[in-house]
Amino acid sequence: MKKLKPHAVDWAQIDRFLASADKKLASAGKILAFDEEACLQQAYEAMLKASLGFMFSHGFRARSQPGHHIAIIDFVRSRIDKKHTGLLTVFDRLRRKRNVALYDDSGFVSYHDAEQALESAGDYLNVIRADIAARKP
């Protein structure tokens, strides 16, 4: 797994990442009404921040290299309860949609897309937080 490297488990750091994920989610909720693309971006980043906290809680971090967001999603998928596979599928779909919106002007984000991203991100954060809490000493 050369996409990952060991990372000392620091619960205070993990808590900061989860708090940052919450802020991004709250921000996504506030901007939904007037900027769907930014809402989707913030919802995705909330999921990413929570995922990084999840990785850190397992003693790993992703190397900064092309494809590291995919490596993060794959890491969570390999260690989270299989009943949450649907949320990881949404997470990966948001990653792709965000890339298209960011790098290609054809990446239209509808209100419905943004609303669903927001809802999925909220569900995802709850799942990640519960998993981390169950393993925290």
Protein backbone atom coordinates (compact mmCIF):
# COMPACT_ATOMS: atom_id res chain seq x y z
CA MET A 1 0.00 0.00 0.00
CA LYS A 2 2.40 2.68 -1.12
CA LYS A 3 -0.45 5.19 -1.35
CA LEU A 4 -0.54 5.23 2.47
CA LYS A 5 1.98 5.92 5.18
CA PRO A 6 1.90 5.33 8.93
CA HIS A 7 0.57 8.18 11.05
CA ALA A 8 0.68 8.41 14.85
CA VAL A 9 -2.82 8.22 16.33
CA ASP A 10 -3.54 11.61 17.91
CA TRP A 11 -7.12 11.79 19.24
CA ALA A 12 -7.03 15.59 19.61
CA GLN A 13 -6.08 15.89 15.92
CA ILE A 14 -8.84 13.44 14.96
CA ASP A 15 -11.36 15.51 16.94
CA ARG A 16 -10.17 18.66 15.10
CA PHE A 17 -10.70 16.95 11.73
CA LEU A 18 -14.21 15.88 12.74
CA ALA A 19 -14.97 19.42 13.95
CA SER A 20 -13.72 20.78 10.62
CA ALA A 21 -15.95 18.28 8.78
CA ASP A 22 -18.92 19.56 10.82
CA LYS A 23 -18.08 23.17 9.89
CA LYS A 24 -17.88 22.29 6.20
CA LEU A 25 -21.22 20.49 6.42
CA ALA A 26 -22.83 23.49 8.16
CA SER A 27 -21.35 25.77 5.50
CA ALA A 28 -22.73 23.53 2.75
CA GLY A 29 -26.19 23.80 4.31
CA LYS A 30 -26.02 27.60 4.41
CA ILE A 31 -24.93 28.02 0.78
CA LEU A 32 -27.31 25.44 -0.75
CA ALA A 33 -29.91 28.13 -1.48
CA PHE A 34 -27.65 30.23 -3.68
CA ASP A 35 -24.65 28.18 -4.87
CA GLU A 36 -25.29 24.50 -5.64
CA GLU A 37 -21.76 23.82 -6.89
CA ALA A 38 -20.17 25.31 -3.76
CA CYS A 39 -22.62 23.33 -1.61
CA LEU A 40 -21.60 20.08 -3.30
CA GLN A 41 -17.92 21.01 -2.94
CA GLN A 42 -18.31 21.72 0.79
CA ALA A 43 -20.33 18.52 1.35
CA TYR A 44 -17.59 16.53 -0.41
CA GLU A 45 -14.87 18.23 1.63
CA ALA A 46 -16.80 17.45 4.84
CA MET A 47 -16.76 13.78 3.86
CA LEU A 48 -13.07 14.00 2.99
CA LYS A 49 -12.16 15.62 6.34
CA ALA A 50 -14.13 12.98 8.26
CA SER A 51 -12.40 10.27 6.20
CA LEU A 52 -8.98 11.68 7.05
CA GLY A 53 -9.93 11.57 10.73
CA PHE A 54 -11.02 7.96 10.19
CA MET A 55 -7.67 7.10 8.55
CA PHE A 56 -5.72 8.80 11.34
CA SER A 57 -7.72 6.79 13.90
CA HIS A 58 -6.39 3.65 12.20
CA GLY A 59 -2.81 4.95 12.21
CA PHE A 60 -2.53 5.87 8.52
CA ARG A 61 -2.58 8.86 6.23
CA ALA A 62 -2.69 9.16 2.45
CA ARG A 63 0.41 10.28 0.58
CA SER A 64 -0.07 13.54 -1.31
CA GLN A 65 0.03 12.29 -4.87
CA PRO A 66 -2.36 12.01 -7.79
CA GLY A 67 -5.26 9.79 -6.87
CA HIS A 68 -4.93 10.27 -3.11
CA HIS A 69 -8.66 11.05 -2.75
CA ILE A 70 -9.41 7.66 -4.34
CA ALA A 71 -6.95 6.03 -1.92
CA ILE A 72 -8.79 7.68 1.00
CA ILE A 73 -12.18 6.43 -0.20
CA ASP A 74 -10.78 2.92 -0.79
CA PHE A 75 -9.25 2.90 2.70
CA VAL A 76 -12.58 3.75 4.35
CA ARG A 77 -14.42 1.24 2.14
CA SER A 78 -12.03 -1.53 3.23
CA ARG A 79 -12.52 -0.83 6.96
CA ILE A 80 -16.10 0.38 7.43
CA ASP A 81 -19.11 -1.90 7.95
CA LYS A 82 -20.26 -3.21 4.56
CA LYS A 83 -23.81 -1.95 5.20
CA HIS A 84 -22.44 1.56 4.48
CA THR A 85 -21.21 0.70 0.97
CA GLY A 86 -23.94 2.91 -0.53
CA LEU A 87 -22.57 5.99 1.23
CA LEU A 88 -19.10 5.25 -0.13
CA THR A 89 -20.54 4.94 -3.63
CA VAL A 90 -22.12 8.38 -3.18
CA PHE A 91 -18.82 9.75 -1.81
CA ASP A 92 -16.97 8.53 -4.90
CA ARG A 93 -19.71 9.90 -7.18
CA LEU A 94 -19.37 13.29 -5.47
CA ARG A 95 -15.60 13.14 -5.99
CA ARG A 96 -16.11 12.66 -9.72
CA LYS A 97 -18.87 15.27 -9.94
CA ARG A 98 -16.70 17.78 -8.07
CA ASN A 99 -13.82 17.14 -10.48
CA VAL A 100 -16.06 17.67 -13.49
CA ALA A 101 -17.54 20.85 -11.98
CA LEU A 102 -14.04 22.09 -11.14
CA TYR A 103 -12.19 21.25 -14.35
CA ASP A 104 -14.89 21.23 -17.03
CA ASP A 105 -17.60 23.82 -17.59
CA SER A 106 -20.07 21.06 -18.49
CA GLY A 107 -20.23 20.03 -14.82
CA PHE A 108 -23.61 21.51 -13.97
CA VAL A 109 -24.71 20.86 -10.38
CA SER A 110 -28.49 21.00 -9.85
CA TYR A 111 -30.24 21.97 -6.63
CA HIS A 112 -31.30 18.33 -6.26
CA ASP A 113 -27.68 17.13 -6.67
CA ALA A 114 -26.49 19.58 -4.02
CA GLU A 115 -29.33 18.69 -1.64
CA GLN A 116 -28.55 14.98 -1.96
CA ALA A 117 -24.83 15.64 -1.44
CA LEU A 118 -25.67 17.53 1.74
CA GLU A 119 -27.91 14.75 3.06
CA SER A 120 -25.41 12.00 2.21
CA ALA A 121 -22.55 13.94 3.80
CA GLY A 122 -24.56 14.28 7.02
CA ASP A 123 -25.27 10.54 7.07
CA TYR A 124 -21.63 9.77 6.28
CA LEU A 125 -20.30 11.98 9.09
CA ASN A 126 -22.60 10.20 11.56
CA VAL A 127 -21.32 6.79 10.45
CA ILE A 128 -17.65 7.83 10.59
CA ARG A 129 -18.05 9.54 13.97
CA ALA A 130 -19.77 6.46 15.46
CA ASP A 131 -17.07 4.16 14.12
CA ILE A 132 -14.27 6.32 15.54
CA ALA A 133 -16.06 6.74 18.88
CA ALA A 134 -16.41 2.95 19.22
CA ARG A 135 -12.63 2.54 18.90
CA LYS A 136 -11.51 5.56 20.92
CA PRO A 137 -9.86 4.63 24.22
